[in-house]
């Protein structure tokens, strides 16, 4: 399935508005994990606005698709997206990570409607997602479960235990997506704990591996559609992304795993995001059909 020109533009416009909201919310909060939020927002936009069976007005529908954002420190991205979906009051974003707010750094599923799991302790999301996927099989339900991992998170042994179990139980209704931005809290992933050959590792654990550009909506949506049809092996989508994507002083810089935004950085960031969006729109005009 190839996106139509209008579908592509709609997703790019939505991701642009969310990137700006992420920058706003980070500034208001006094800081946050903005680098990883900007690397995953295209993926999350594709999931919630195109690919998932999810109605925010029926967020507790037992037949809805599930999504576990295992890299829970990217909570600003989730909170901003949920505010756009109407699950969080947009005005509440101004309280993010402030005393008394229900919007913690790591979002709490008991406080946020539509949030399928509380995450933040890295390495747990895959196991929770597998449990949900197996529950669907046991109850003869057709919903899919998605889990979004950070690449640094894949240093955790529990990720690979879950991967082994996912392949063993042929949980093809679980779609794993890895945010491969090549950076983690204290350096480049390949310097801190090398993951390569990353795709080969997943294949060795019994996965069908798709490697894509995680900022190209055509590739994101095509890979997810491919994964939905899996029958023999579960699919992992390794999405090559850029930490701090769209903002010049953040892009590819591990030091922006977490950071605060002053007025100068805010102005530069907003200008950069607008330039980035215009480049995306120009690409759509050139290549969209």
Protein backbone atom coordinates (compact mmCIF):
# COMPACT_ATOMS: atom_id res chain seq x y z
CA UNK A 1 0.00 0.00 0.00
CA UNK A 2 1.40 3.34 -1.05
CA UNK A 3 0.11 6.50 0.58
CA UNK A 4 -1.79 8.88 -1.64
CA UNK A 5 -0.39 12.37 -1.94
CA UNK A 6 -3.15 13.73 0.31
CA UNK A 7 -2.68 11.01 2.95
CA UNK A 8 1.04 11.72 3.01
CA UNK A 9 0.48 15.46 3.36
CA UNK A 10 -2.09 14.96 6.12
CA UNK A 11 0.36 12.87 8.14
CA UNK A 12 3.21 15.34 7.57
CA UNK A 13 1.02 18.25 8.69
CA UNK A 14 -0.04 16.38 11.80
CA UNK A 15 3.52 15.41 12.70
CA UNK A 16 4.60 19.03 12.21
CA UNK A 17 1.97 20.33 14.61
CA UNK A 18 2.98 17.69 17.14
CA UNK A 19 6.68 18.52 16.85
CA UNK A 20 5.89 22.16 17.63
CA UNK A 21 3.72 21.08 20.56
CA UNK A 22 6.55 18.90 21.88
CA UNK A 23 8.90 21.88 21.78
CA UNK A 24 6.31 24.08 23.54
CA UNK A 25 5.67 21.50 26.24
CA UNK A 26 9.37 20.88 26.85
CA UNK A 27 10.00 24.59 27.29
CA UNK A 28 7.04 24.97 29.65
CA UNK A 29 8.10 21.93 31.70
CA UNK A 30 11.59 23.31 32.19
CA UNK A 31 13.09 20.37 30.36
CA UNK A 32 12.35 16.91 29.06
CA UNK A 33 13.42 13.98 26.91
CA UNK A 34 12.87 15.91 23.72
CA UNK A 35 15.48 14.18 21.53
CA UNK A 36 13.74 10.80 21.59
CA UNK A 37 10.32 12.42 21.33
CA UNK A 38 11.28 13.98 18.01
CA UNK A 39 12.72 10.72 16.73
CA UNK A 40 9.50 8.76 17.32
CA UNK A 41 6.76 11.26 16.54
CA UNK A 42 6.48 10.28 12.86
CA UNK A 43 6.08 6.65 13.85
CA UNK A 44 3.45 7.47 16.48
CA UNK A 45 1.61 9.74 14.07
CA UNK A 46 1.43 6.93 11.52
CA UNK A 47 0.16 4.51 14.16
CA UNK A 48 -2.55 6.61 15.77
CA UNK A 49 -3.73 8.56 12.73
CA UNK A 50 -3.45 5.91 10.03
CA UNK A 51 -2.57 2.35 10.96
CA UNK A 52 -4.10 1.44 14.33
CA UNK A 53 -7.68 0.43 14.96
CA UNK A 54 -8.16 2.98 17.73
CA UNK A 55 -11.04 5.38 18.37
CA UNK A 56 -10.19 7.92 21.11
CA UNK A 57 -13.92 8.20 21.86
CA UNK A 58 -13.92 4.46 22.61
CA UNK A 59 -10.45 4.19 24.09
CA UNK A 60 -11.44 1.19 26.23
CA UNK A 61 -12.95 -0.83 23.37
CA UNK A 62 -11.82 -4.44 23.97
CA UNK A 63 -11.22 -4.85 20.24
CA UNK A 64 -8.98 -1.78 19.88
CA UNK A 65 -5.37 -2.14 18.86
CA UNK A 66 -2.90 -1.73 21.72
CA UNK A 67 0.27 0.36 21.72
CA UNK A 68 3.02 0.07 24.33
CA UNK A 69 5.54 2.92 24.20
CA UNK A 70 8.24 1.00 26.00
CA UNK A 71 10.65 3.94 25.89
CA UNK A 72 8.36 5.65 28.38
CA UNK A 73 10.71 8.57 28.96
CA UNK A 74 9.36 9.91 25.65
CA UNK A 75 6.21 10.79 27.57
CA UNK A 76 6.03 14.33 26.20
CA UNK A 77 5.44 12.91 22.71
CA UNK A 78 2.67 10.64 23.98
CA UNK A 79 1.08 13.40 26.05
CA UNK A 80 1.08 15.82 23.12
CA UNK A 81 -0.39 13.23 20.79
CA UNK A 82 -3.06 12.27 23.33
CA UNK A 83 -3.98 15.92 23.79
CA UNK A 84 -4.48 16.21 20.04
CA UNK A 85 -6.67 13.09 20.15
CA UNK A 86 -8.80 14.66 22.88
CA UNK A 87 -7.71 12.25 25.63
CA UNK A 88 -5.87 14.98 27.56
CA UNK A 89 -6.98 18.60 27.89
CA UNK A 90 -4.43 20.62 25.86
CA UNK A 91 -4.27 23.19 28.67
CA UNK A 92 -3.06 20.43 30.98
CA UNK A 93 0.18 20.11 29.00
CA UNK A 94 1.39 23.25 30.77
CA UNK A 95 1.49 21.23 33.99
CA UNK A 96 3.69 18.47 32.55
CA UNK A 97 6.17 17.17 35.16
CA UNK A 98 5.14 19.77 37.71
CA UNK A 99 4.16 19.13 41.32
CA UNK A 100 0.62 17.81 41.57
CA UNK A 101 0.23 17.11 37.86
CA UNK A 102 -1.00 13.75 36.63
CA UNK A 103 1.33 14.16 33.66
CA UNK A 104 4.53 12.69 35.04
CA UNK A 105 7.77 12.22 33.12
CA UNK A 106 6.70 8.59 32.74
CA UNK A 107 2.97 8.61 32.10
CA UNK A 108 0.70 6.57 34.37
CA UNK A 109 -1.90 4.41 32.63
CA UNK A 110 -4.14 4.61 35.71
CA UNK A 111 -4.36 8.38 35.23
CA UNK A 112 -4.31 8.78 31.44
CA UNK A 113 -7.27 7.41 29.46
CA UNK A 114 -6.27 5.36 26.42
CA UNK A 115 -2.74 4.68 27.67
CA UNK A 116 -2.27 0.92 27.52
CA UNK A 117 0.62 0.62 29.98
CA UNK A 118 2.76 2.58 32.39
CA UNK A 119 6.33 2.44 31.10
CA UNK A 120 9.67 3.96 31.88
CA UNK A 121 11.62 1.13 33.47
CA UNK A 122 13.28 0.11 30.23
CA UNK A 123 13.05 -3.44 28.94
CA UNK A 124 9.55 -4.18 30.24
CA UNK A 125 7.40 -3.10 27.30
CA UNK A 126 8.11 -6.11 25.09
CA UNK A 127 6.97 -8.58 27.73
CA UNK A 128 3.78 -6.61 28.46
CA UNK A 129 3.04 -6.36 24.75
CA UNK A 130 3.59 -10.10 24.28
CA UNK A 131 1.14 -10.79 27.10
CA UNK A 132 -1.48 -8.64 25.39
CA UNK A 133 -0.84 -10.33 22.04
CA UNK A 134 -1.16 -13.81 23.53
CA UNK A 135 -4.32 -12.74 25.35
CA UNK A 136 -5.81 -11.75 22.00
CA UNK A 137 -5.01 -15.17 20.58
CA UNK A 138 -6.45 -16.98 23.60
CA UNK A 139 -9.67 -14.96 23.50
CA UNK A 140 -10.01 -15.13 19.71
CA UNK A 141 -9.80 -11.37 19.30
CA UNK A 142 -8.38 -9.78 16.18
CA UNK A 143 -6.63 -6.75 17.67
CA UNK A 144 -2.96 -6.08 17.04
CA UNK A 145 -0.45 -5.02 19.67
CA UNK A 146 2.39 -2.63 18.85
CA UNK A 147 5.46 -2.07 20.99
CA UNK A 148 7.84 0.83 20.40
CA UNK A 149 11.34 0.23 21.74
CA UNK A 150 14.34 2.51 22.00
CA UNK A 151 17.55 1.14 20.53
CA UNK A 152 19.47 1.87 23.74
CA UNK A 153 16.74 -0.07 25.53
CA UNK A 154 17.80 -3.11 23.53
CA UNK A 155 20.82 -3.38 25.83
CA UNK A 156 18.34 -4.90 28.29
CA UNK A 157 18.34 -8.68 28.43
CA UNK A 158 14.59 -8.75 29.03
CA UNK A 159 14.05 -7.40 25.50
CA UNK A 160 15.73 -10.48 24.07
CA UNK A 161 13.93 -12.87 26.42
CA UNK A 162 10.68 -11.41 25.15
CA UNK A 163 11.88 -11.62 21.56
CA UNK A 164 12.69 -15.30 22.02
CA UNK A 165 9.24 -15.95 23.47
CA UNK A 166 7.48 -13.90 20.78
CA UNK A 167 9.03 -16.00 18.03
CA UNK A 168 8.49 -19.26 19.94
CA UNK A 169 4.78 -18.62 20.39
CA UNK A 170 4.45 -17.25 16.84
CA UNK A 171 2.86 -14.06 18.16
CA UNK A 172 2.51 -12.55 14.71
CA UNK A 173 -0.19 -10.23 16.06
CA UNK A 174 2.57 -8.38 17.93
CA UNK A 175 4.40 -5.80 15.82
CA UNK A 176 7.71 -4.58 17.23
CA UNK A 177 9.13 -1.22 16.16
CA UNK A 178 12.59 -0.08 17.22
CA UNK A 179 13.45 3.63 17.26
CA UNK A 180 16.98 3.26 15.87
CA UNK A 181 18.33 6.77 16.45
CA UNK A 182 21.84 5.49 17.34
CA UNK A 183 22.00 7.55 20.54
CA UNK A 184 21.30 6.95 24.20
CA UNK A 185 21.58 8.92 27.41
CA UNK A 186 25.37 8.91 27.67
CA UNK A 187 26.65 8.47 24.13
CA UNK A 188 26.32 6.73 20.79
CA UNK A 189 24.83 3.26 21.08
CA UNK A 190 27.75 1.74 19.22
CA UNK A 191 30.21 3.33 21.66
CA UNK A 192 28.32 2.49 24.85
CA UNK A 193 27.21 -1.05 23.98
CA UNK A 194 27.37 -2.02 20.32
CA UNK A 195 24.13 -3.36 18.87
CA UNK A 196 25.35 -4.16 15.38
CA UNK A 197 24.74 -6.34 13.48
CA UNK A 198 21.33 -5.30 14.82
CA UNK A 199 19.07 -6.65 12.08
CA UNK A 200 20.92 -9.97 12.11
CA UNK A 201 20.32 -10.33 15.84
CA UNK A 202 16.55 -9.98 15.41
CA UNK A 203 16.61 -12.42 12.51
CA UNK A 204 18.54 -14.91 14.62
CA UNK A 205 15.80 -14.67 17.25
CA UNK A 206 13.22 -15.71 14.67
CA UNK A 207 11.90 -12.39 13.38
CA UNK A 208 11.13 -11.17 9.90
CA UNK A 209 13.12 -7.91 9.81
CA UNK A 210 12.18 -4.74 7.94
CA UNK A 211 14.68 -1.84 8.00
CA UNK A 212 13.17 1.51 7.05
CA UNK A 213 13.59 5.28 7.19
CA UNK A 214 11.62 6.16 10.32
CA UNK A 215 10.91 9.66 9.03
CA UNK A 216 9.39 8.57 5.70
CA UNK A 217 5.66 8.02 6.09
CA UNK A 218 5.55 5.92 2.95
CA UNK A 219 8.07 3.46 4.34
CA UNK A 220 6.55 3.52 7.84
CA UNK A 221 3.04 2.73 6.62
CA UNK A 222 4.17 0.15 4.07
CA UNK A 223 6.18 -1.68 6.75
CA UNK A 224 3.27 -1.70 9.20
CA UNK A 225 0.89 -2.96 6.51
CA UNK A 226 3.41 -5.70 5.72
CA UNK A 227 3.67 -6.63 9.41
CA UNK A 228 -0.11 -6.86 9.77
CA UNK A 229 -0.12 -9.73 7.26
CA UNK A 230 2.53 -11.80 9.05
CA UNK A 231 1.64 -15.47 9.49
CA UNK A 232 4.79 -17.50 10.06
CA UNK A 233 7.13 -15.09 11.84
CA UNK A 234 6.61 -11.96 13.94
CA UNK A 235 7.86 -8.79 12.28
CA UNK A 236 10.25 -6.25 13.74
CA UNK A 237 10.53 -2.87 12.05
CA UNK A 238 13.90 -1.22 12.62
CA UNK A 239 13.19 2.43 11.98
CA UNK A 240 16.33 4.44 11.32
CA UNK A 241 15.66 7.85 12.85
CA UNK A 242 17.44 11.00 13.98
CA UNK A 243 17.45 11.98 17.64
CA UNK A 244 16.18 15.55 17.88
CA UNK A 245 14.94 15.33 14.30
CA UNK A 246 14.06 18.66 12.68
CA UNK A 247 16.00 20.93 15.03
CA UNK A 248 19.53 21.83 13.95
CA UNK A 249 21.27 21.94 17.32
CA UNK A 250 19.63 18.71 18.52
CA UNK A 251 19.77 16.47 15.47
CA UNK A 252 21.93 13.42 16.04
CA UNK A 253 23.27 14.75 19.35
CA UNK A 254 23.07 12.35 22.28
CA UNK A 255 23.35 15.30 24.69
CA UNK A 256 19.76 16.12 23.75
CA UNK A 257 18.49 12.89 25.23
CA UNK A 258 17.18 15.32 27.85
CA UNK A 259 17.44 19.07 27.85
CA UNK A 260 15.84 22.40 28.64
CA UNK A 261 14.79 25.10 26.21
CA UNK A 262 15.47 28.81 26.71
CA UNK A 263 13.94 31.53 24.54
CA UNK A 264 16.81 31.57 22.06
CA UNK A 265 16.74 27.81 21.59
CA UNK A 266 12.96 27.91 21.36
CA UNK A 267 13.02 30.49 18.56
CA UNK A 268 15.72 28.63 16.64
CA UNK A 269 13.83 25.37 17.15
CA UNK A 270 10.54 26.72 15.85
CA UNK A 271 12.26 28.21 12.81
CA UNK A 272 14.06 24.94 12.15
CA UNK A 273 10.84 22.94 12.41
CA UNK A 274 9.12 25.23 9.94
CA UNK A 275 12.02 24.89 7.49
CA UNK A 276 12.00 21.10 7.95
CA UNK A 277 8.26 20.95 7.28
CA UNK A 278 8.57 23.03 4.13
CA UNK A 279 11.23 20.61 2.88
CA UNK A 280 8.84 17.72 3.53
CA UNK A 281 6.02 19.47 1.68
CA UNK A 282 8.33 20.11 -1.28
CA UNK A 283 9.18 16.39 -1.36
CA UNK A 284 5.47 15.53 -1.38
CA UNK A 285 4.93 17.86 -4.33
CA UNK A 286 7.80 16.23 -6.16
CA UNK A 287 7.14 12.56 -5.40
CA UNK A 288 3.53 12.30 -4.20
CA UNK A 289 0.91 10.66 -6.42
